[in-house]
Amino acid sequence: MNTNDYNQCVDDYSDGLYRFLLKNIKDSELARDLVQESFLRLWERRKKVDALKSKSYLFTTGYHVMIDHLRKYSRMEVYEPSRHGENVNEGQYSDAAEILNRAVDQLPVNQRSVVMLRDYEGYSYKEIGQITGFTESQVKVYIFRARVFLKKYLVNPEYVI
């Protein structure tokens, strides 16, 4: 990969990588930092990375950077009052996108990541497996479980109404 290929990579994939990370971690500044870290790692390994495989390399790196960050900071406890049992929308109007986003937020990180890569970014099962390090069977199982959870969540009147 040369400098022109790298610059083209930044132009083509930075927004998609940012959206993927933002959807998973819900912090725009942290998502920007992780995108920057992913592109830094690509730059450091630019001579070893084939330009045709740069998108897969970036999403794989972004995924691993995100997981590393989550593992590092998961030991920290943050006080959040429990919302269990509360009416989520408290009589306010919610559109389908808001409800779906809340449902996706409830998924475990592995399931959320594979669903995001499959349904939002359009990757194949094989590509998702390469990005996440899961087998193709694991990817299918995680997507199935996530979709079952989303279906149950979306038909539950407590969350939707």
Protein backbone atom coordinates (compact mmCIF):
# COMPACT_ATOMS: atom_id res chain seq x y z
CA MET A 1 0.00 0.00 0.00
CA ASN A 2 1.37 3.40 -0.91
CA THR A 3 0.48 6.89 0.34
CA ASN A 4 -2.17 7.43 -2.33
CA ASP A 5 -3.86 4.13 -1.45
CA TYR A 6 -3.80 5.08 2.23
CA ASN A 7 -5.36 8.49 1.54
CA GLN A 8 -8.02 6.85 -0.61
CA CYS A 9 -8.68 4.43 2.23
CA VAL A 10 -9.23 7.33 4.63
CA ASP A 11 -11.66 8.96 2.21
CA ASP A 12 -13.57 5.75 1.52
CA TYR A 13 -13.80 4.04 4.91
CA SER A 14 -13.44 6.54 7.74
CA ASP A 15 -17.16 7.36 7.92
CA GLY A 16 -18.25 3.72 7.85
CA LEU A 17 -15.74 2.75 10.53
CA TYR A 18 -16.82 5.71 12.67
CA ARG A 19 -20.51 4.77 12.38
CA PHE A 20 -19.73 1.15 13.27
CA LEU A 21 -17.74 2.12 16.36
CA LEU A 22 -20.18 4.84 17.43
CA LYS A 23 -23.12 2.46 17.21
CA ASN A 24 -21.29 0.00 19.45
CA ILE A 25 -19.84 2.31 22.11
CA LYS A 26 -22.24 5.30 22.09
CA ASP A 27 -19.50 7.90 22.66
CA SER A 28 -18.64 10.10 19.68
CA GLU A 29 -15.30 11.30 21.03
CA LEU A 30 -14.17 7.80 21.91
CA ALA A 31 -15.34 6.55 18.50
CA ARG A 32 -13.24 9.24 16.81
CA ASP A 33 -10.23 8.25 18.92
CA LEU A 34 -10.67 4.59 18.02
CA VAL A 35 -10.98 5.43 14.30
CA GLN A 36 -7.79 7.45 14.59
CA GLU A 37 -6.04 4.57 16.34
CA SER A 38 -7.21 2.16 13.61
CA PHE A 39 -5.85 4.38 10.85
CA LEU A 40 -2.61 4.86 12.77
CA ARG A 41 -2.15 1.08 12.93
CA LEU A 42 -2.90 0.85 9.21
CA TRP A 43 -0.30 3.53 8.50
CA GLU A 44 2.30 1.73 10.60
CA ARG A 45 1.68 -1.50 8.67
CA ARG A 46 0.98 0.05 5.27
CA LYS A 47 3.83 -1.81 3.57
CA LYS A 48 2.44 -5.18 4.69
CA VAL A 49 -1.27 -4.51 3.96
CA ASP A 50 -2.63 -5.07 0.48
CA ALA A 51 -4.66 -2.05 -0.71
CA LEU A 52 -7.45 -4.36 -1.86
CA LYS A 53 -7.84 -5.74 1.67
CA SER A 54 -7.57 -2.40 3.48
CA LYS A 55 -11.29 -2.17 4.32
CA SER A 56 -11.31 -5.56 5.98
CA TYR A 57 -8.06 -4.72 7.79
CA LEU A 58 -9.50 -1.43 9.07
CA PHE A 59 -12.74 -2.92 10.37
CA THR A 60 -10.84 -5.80 11.95
CA THR A 61 -8.44 -3.38 13.62
CA GLY A 62 -11.29 -1.09 14.69
CA TYR A 63 -13.16 -4.00 16.21
CA HIS A 64 -10.11 -5.19 18.13
CA VAL A 65 -9.23 -1.67 19.31
CA MET A 66 -12.82 -1.29 20.58
CA ILE A 67 -12.74 -4.65 22.37
CA ASP A 68 -9.38 -3.83 23.93
CA HIS A 69 -10.73 -0.51 25.18
CA LEU A 70 -13.89 -2.12 26.56
CA ARG A 71 -11.89 -4.81 28.36
CA LYS A 72 -9.52 -2.25 29.81
CA TYR A 73 -12.27 -0.03 31.17
CA SER A 74 -14.83 -2.72 32.02
CA ARG A 75 -13.24 -3.14 35.42
CA MET A 76 -14.20 0.41 36.32
CA GLU A 77 -17.57 0.71 37.96
CA VAL A 78 -19.81 3.56 36.90
CA TYR A 79 -22.88 4.33 38.95
CA GLU A 80 -26.02 4.26 36.86
CA PRO A 81 -29.45 4.16 38.45
CA SER A 82 -31.36 1.12 37.32
CA ARG A 83 -34.19 1.76 34.92
CA HIS A 84 -35.66 -1.70 35.38
CA GLY A 85 -39.40 -1.49 35.87
CA GLU A 86 -39.68 2.11 34.70
CA ASN A 87 -41.74 3.05 31.73
CA VAL A 88 -39.03 3.78 29.18
CA ASN A 89 -40.73 6.43 27.08
CA GLU A 90 -42.89 7.92 29.84
CA GLY A 91 -45.75 8.85 27.56
CA GLN A 92 -43.60 10.49 24.91
CA TYR A 93 -43.71 9.62 21.24
CA SER A 94 -40.96 7.28 20.06
CA ASP A 95 -40.37 6.44 16.45
CA ALA A 96 -39.27 3.04 15.22
CA ALA A 97 -35.61 4.04 14.86
CA GLU A 98 -35.41 5.12 18.50
CA ILE A 99 -37.01 1.89 19.67
CA LEU A 100 -34.72 -0.19 17.48
CA ASN A 101 -31.65 1.70 18.72
CA ARG A 102 -32.69 1.08 22.32
CA ALA A 103 -33.13 -2.60 21.53
CA VAL A 104 -29.72 -2.86 19.86
CA ASP A 105 -28.17 -1.10 22.87
CA GLN A 106 -29.41 -3.96 25.08
CA LEU A 107 -27.44 -6.59 23.14
CA PRO A 108 -24.12 -7.96 24.42
CA VAL A 109 -21.09 -6.48 22.64
CA ASN A 110 -20.38 -9.58 20.52
CA GLN A 111 -23.95 -9.82 19.27
CA ARG A 112 -24.22 -6.06 18.71
CA SER A 113 -21.00 -6.03 16.71
CA VAL A 114 -21.94 -8.87 14.37
CA VAL A 115 -25.44 -7.47 13.83
CA MET A 116 -23.98 -4.06 13.04
CA LEU A 117 -21.47 -5.53 10.60
CA ARG A 118 -24.12 -7.70 8.92
CA ASP A 119 -27.21 -5.50 8.85
CA TYR A 120 -25.76 -1.99 8.86
CA GLU A 121 -22.49 -2.44 6.97
CA GLY A 122 -23.52 -5.36 4.74
CA TYR A 123 -20.62 -7.75 5.37
CA SER A 124 -20.95 -11.46 4.65
CA TYR A 125 -20.73 -14.05 7.41
CA LYS A 126 -17.24 -15.00 6.26
CA GLU A 127 -16.03 -11.37 6.29
CA ILE A 128 -17.53 -10.81 9.75
CA GLY A 129 -15.69 -13.90 10.94
CA GLN A 130 -12.43 -12.52 9.59
CA ILE A 131 -13.03 -9.14 11.22
CA THR A 132 -14.06 -10.43 14.63
CA GLY A 133 -12.01 -13.61 14.80
CA PHE A 134 -15.11 -15.76 15.24
CA THR A 135 -15.86 -18.80 13.12
CA GLU A 136 -18.57 -18.46 10.52
CA SER A 137 -20.79 -20.70 12.68
CA GLN A 138 -20.28 -18.47 15.72
CA VAL A 139 -21.18 -15.42 13.65
CA LYS A 140 -24.42 -17.07 12.52
CA VAL A 141 -25.27 -18.08 16.10
CA TYR A 142 -24.61 -14.57 17.46
CA ILE A 143 -26.72 -13.01 14.71
CA PHE A 144 -29.53 -15.51 15.31
CA ARG A 145 -29.52 -14.87 19.06
CA ALA A 146 -29.43 -11.13 18.55
CA ARG A 147 -32.35 -11.23 16.15
CA VAL A 148 -34.38 -13.43 18.52
CA PHE A 149 -33.74 -10.93 21.33
CA LEU A 150 -34.61 -7.97 19.08
CA LYS A 151 -37.83 -9.64 17.98
CA LYS A 152 -38.88 -10.27 21.59
CA TYR A 153 -37.89 -6.75 22.60
CA LEU A 154 -39.75 -5.11 19.74
CA VAL A 155 -43.03 -6.97 20.38
CA ASN A 156 -42.96 -6.28 24.12
CA PRO A 157 -45.53 -3.52 24.78
CA GLU A 158 -43.62 -2.34 27.85
CA TYR A 159 -40.79 -1.07 25.65
CA VAL A 160 -42.65 -0.04 22.52
CA ILE A 161 -45.74 1.72 23.85
